[in-house]
Amino acid sequence: MACRSGCKTQDHATWGECARAADLKVSAIAPHNQEGYDRTKKELAAYRAARSAGIQPEGTTMDKIQAARRASENMTRPYNANVDPPASMVVNKKAGEFITRSES
């Protein structure tokens, strides 16, 4: 037999046939790195959602995305990091109104 040592049936003609039957998976992500990978996936999903809402955050981290969302709420229009002041400065509706008014 040419089966793998962990094969339950030990009846495959070749090692490759045994491996295919076992449906082995190879992961490019080490277990200790899974948390960072998951966080990045969530941040990029949140960034994509913000961009689809017309918001341009200052970056792709969750803090930047949430700050851009808060700034958008205060400005009553989508925040754009390329032309608006930093999102951390748009702290309330009055600041948002001032920024929106000064654009007109």
C-alpha atoms as a PDB file:
ATOM      1  CA  MET A   1       0.000   0.000   0.000  1.00  0.00           C
ATOM      2  CA  ALA A   2       1.109   3.510  -0.752  1.00  0.00           C
ATOM      3  CA  CYS A   3      -1.305   5.295   1.566  1.00  0.00           C
ATOM      4  CA  ARG A   4      -0.493   8.088   3.961  1.00  0.00           C
ATOM      5  CA  SER A   5       0.103   7.114   7.563  1.00  0.00           C
ATOM      6  CA  GLY A   6      -3.118   8.895   8.620  1.00  0.00           C
ATOM      7  CA  CYS A   7      -5.327   7.165   6.029  1.00  0.00           C
ATOM      8  CA  LYS A   8      -8.321   5.452   7.619  1.00  0.00           C
ATOM      9  CA  THR A   9      -8.964   2.946   4.822  1.00  0.00           C
ATOM     10  CA  GLN A  10      -5.381   2.148   3.688  1.00  0.00           C
ATOM     11  CA  ASP A  11      -6.743   0.887   0.348  1.00  0.00           C
ATOM     12  CA  HIS A  12      -5.539   3.432  -2.227  1.00  0.00           C
ATOM     13  CA  ALA A  13      -3.330   2.417  -5.134  1.00  0.00           C
ATOM     14  CA  THR A  14      -1.036   5.461  -4.859  1.00  0.00           C
ATOM     15  CA  TRP A  15      -0.085   8.096  -2.302  1.00  0.00           C
ATOM     16  CA  GLY A  16      -1.577  10.797  -4.599  1.00  0.00           C
ATOM     17  CA  GLU A  17      -4.915   8.975  -4.786  1.00  0.00           C
ATOM     18  CA  CYS A  18      -4.904   8.744  -0.989  1.00  0.00           C
ATOM     19  CA  ALA A  19      -4.120  12.469  -0.608  1.00  0.00           C
ATOM     20  CA  ARG A  20      -6.871  13.423  -3.083  1.00  0.00           C
ATOM     21  CA  ALA A  21      -9.371  11.241  -1.209  1.00  0.00           C
ATOM     22  CA  ALA A  22      -8.398  12.926   2.062  1.00  0.00           C
ATOM     23  CA  ASP A  23      -9.116  16.352   0.470  1.00  0.00           C
ATOM     24  CA  LEU A  24      -6.084  17.950   2.118  1.00  0.00           C
ATOM     25  CA  LYS A  25      -6.118  21.747   2.508  1.00  0.00           C
ATOM     26  CA  VAL A  26      -3.091  24.009   2.548  1.00  0.00           C
ATOM     27  CA  SER A  27      -3.418  27.352   4.273  1.00  0.00           C
ATOM     28  CA  ALA A  28      -1.196  30.301   3.463  1.00  0.00           C
ATOM     29  CA  ILE A  29      -2.069  31.818   6.833  1.00  0.00           C
ATOM     30  CA  ALA A  30      -0.270  30.610   9.902  1.00  0.00           C
ATOM     31  CA  PRO A  31      -2.573  30.076  12.909  1.00  0.00           C
ATOM     32  CA  HIS A  32      -0.836  32.809  14.911  1.00  0.00           C
ATOM     33  CA  ASN A  33      -1.530  35.264  12.079  1.00  0.00           C
ATOM     34  CA  GLN A  34      -5.258  34.480  11.726  1.00  0.00           C
ATOM     35  CA  GLU A  35      -6.343  37.316  14.034  1.00  0.00           C
ATOM     36  CA  GLY A  36      -4.555  39.919  11.923  1.00  0.00           C
ATOM     37  CA  TYR A  37      -5.976  38.413   8.752  1.00  0.00           C
ATOM     38  CA  ASP A  38      -9.522  38.485  10.150  1.00  0.00           C
ATOM     39  CA  ARG A  39      -9.118  42.093  11.325  1.00  0.00           C
ATOM     40  CA  THR A  40      -7.843  43.135   7.899  1.00  0.00           C
ATOM     41  CA  LYS A  41     -10.783  41.410   6.185  1.00  0.00           C
ATOM     42  CA  LYS A  42     -13.260  43.270   8.431  1.00  0.00           C
ATOM     43  CA  GLU A  43     -11.523  46.607   7.895  1.00  0.00           C
ATOM     44  CA  LEU A  44     -11.456  46.203   4.129  1.00  0.00           C
ATOM     45  CA  ALA A  45     -15.137  45.194   4.091  1.00  0.00           C
ATOM     46  CA  ALA A  46     -15.983  48.302   6.147  1.00  0.00           C
ATOM     47  CA  TYR A  47     -13.851  50.446   3.812  1.00  0.00           C
ATOM     48  CA  ARG A  48     -15.649  49.014   0.757  1.00  0.00           C
ATOM     49  CA  ALA A  49     -19.022  49.754   2.385  1.00  0.00           C
ATOM     50  CA  ALA A  50     -17.958  53.335   3.159  1.00  0.00           C
ATOM     51  CA  ARG A  51     -16.717  53.872  -0.408  1.00  0.00           C
ATOM     52  CA  SER A  52     -19.973  52.510  -1.816  1.00  0.00           C
ATOM     53  CA  ALA A  53     -21.789  55.084   0.355  1.00  0.00           C
ATOM     54  CA  GLY A  54     -19.656  57.835  -1.219  1.00  0.00           C
ATOM     55  CA  ILE A  55     -17.386  58.285   1.806  1.00  0.00           C
ATOM     56  CA  GLN A  56     -13.619  58.615   1.291  1.00  0.00           C
ATOM     57  CA  PRO A  57     -11.906  57.827   4.630  1.00  0.00           C
ATOM     58  CA  GLU A  58      -8.364  58.957   5.424  1.00  0.00           C
ATOM     59  CA  GLY A  59      -7.252  55.317   5.543  1.00  0.00           C
ATOM     60  CA  THR A  60      -8.385  51.716   5.720  1.00  0.00           C
ATOM     61  CA  THR A  61      -8.147  51.198   9.488  1.00  0.00           C
ATOM     62  CA  MET A  62     -11.407  50.848  11.403  1.00  0.00           C
ATOM     63  CA  ASP A  63     -10.687  54.052  13.382  1.00  0.00           C
ATOM     64  CA  LYS A  64     -10.304  56.099  10.186  1.00  0.00           C
ATOM     65  CA  ILE A  65     -13.420  54.564   8.640  1.00  0.00           C
ATOM     66  CA  GLN A  66     -15.539  55.206  11.729  1.00  0.00           C
ATOM     67  CA  ALA A  67     -14.224  58.780  11.984  1.00  0.00           C
ATOM     68  CA  ALA A  68     -15.163  59.380   8.335  1.00  0.00           C
ATOM     69  CA  ARG A  69     -18.660  57.983   8.965  1.00  0.00           C
ATOM     70  CA  ARG A  70     -19.116  60.280  11.991  1.00  0.00           C
ATOM     71  CA  ALA A  71     -17.848  63.245   9.971  1.00  0.00           C
ATOM     72  CA  SER A  72     -20.321  62.381   7.196  1.00  0.00           C
ATOM     73  CA  GLU A  73     -23.175  62.360   9.697  1.00  0.00           C
ATOM     74  CA  ASN A  74     -22.087  65.732  11.082  1.00  0.00           C
ATOM     75  CA  MET A  75     -21.625  67.270   7.631  1.00  0.00           C
ATOM     76  CA  THR A  76     -24.880  65.799   6.254  1.00  0.00           C
ATOM     77  CA  ARG A  77     -22.979  64.695   3.139  1.00  0.00           C
ATOM     78  CA  PRO A  78     -20.321  62.077   2.406  1.00  0.00           C
ATOM     79  CA  TYR A  79     -16.917  62.898   3.895  1.00  0.00           C
ATOM     80  CA  ASN A  80     -14.002  63.139   1.439  1.00  0.00           C
ATOM     81  CA  ALA A  81     -10.530  63.003   2.981  1.00  0.00           C
ATOM     82  CA  ASN A  82      -9.024  64.422  -0.223  1.00  0.00           C
ATOM     83  CA  VAL A  83     -10.744  67.804   0.128  1.00  0.00           C
ATOM     84  CA  ASP A  84     -12.265  68.037   3.626  1.00  0.00           C
ATOM     85  CA  PRO A  85     -10.413  68.845   6.846  1.00  0.00           C
ATOM     86  CA  PRO A  86      -9.314  65.838   8.921  1.00  0.00           C
ATOM     87  CA  ALA A  87     -12.311  63.853  10.153  1.00  0.00           C
ATOM     88  CA  SER A  88     -11.147  64.336  13.748  1.00  0.00           C
ATOM     89  CA  MET A  89     -11.921  68.069  13.374  1.00  0.00           C
ATOM     90  CA  VAL A  90     -15.554  67.490  12.383  1.00  0.00           C
ATOM     91  CA  VAL A  91     -16.614  66.821  15.960  1.00  0.00           C
ATOM     92  CA  ASN A  92     -20.241  67.951  15.871  1.00  0.00           C
ATOM     93  CA  LYS A  93     -23.040  69.191  13.599  1.00  0.00           C
ATOM     94  CA  LYS A  94     -21.971  72.835  14.041  1.00  0.00           C
ATOM     95  CA  ALA A  95     -18.474  72.074  12.753  1.00  0.00           C
ATOM     96  CA  GLY A  96     -20.010  70.093   9.893  1.00  0.00           C
ATOM     97  CA  GLU A  97     -22.316  72.984   8.984  1.00  0.00           C
ATOM     98  CA  PHE A  98     -19.371  75.400   9.057  1.00  0.00           C
ATOM     99  CA  ILE A  99     -17.359  73.229   6.660  1.00  0.00           C
ATOM    100  CA  THR A 100     -20.309  72.677   4.332  1.00  0.00           C
ATOM    101  CA  ARG A 101     -21.207  76.401   4.384  1.00  0.00           C
ATOM    102  CA  SER A 102     -17.643  77.541   3.677  1.00  0.00           C
ATOM    103  CA  GLU A 103     -17.639  75.391   0.511  1.00  0.00           C
ATOM    104  CA  SER A 104     -20.522  77.320  -1.019  1.00  0.00           C
END
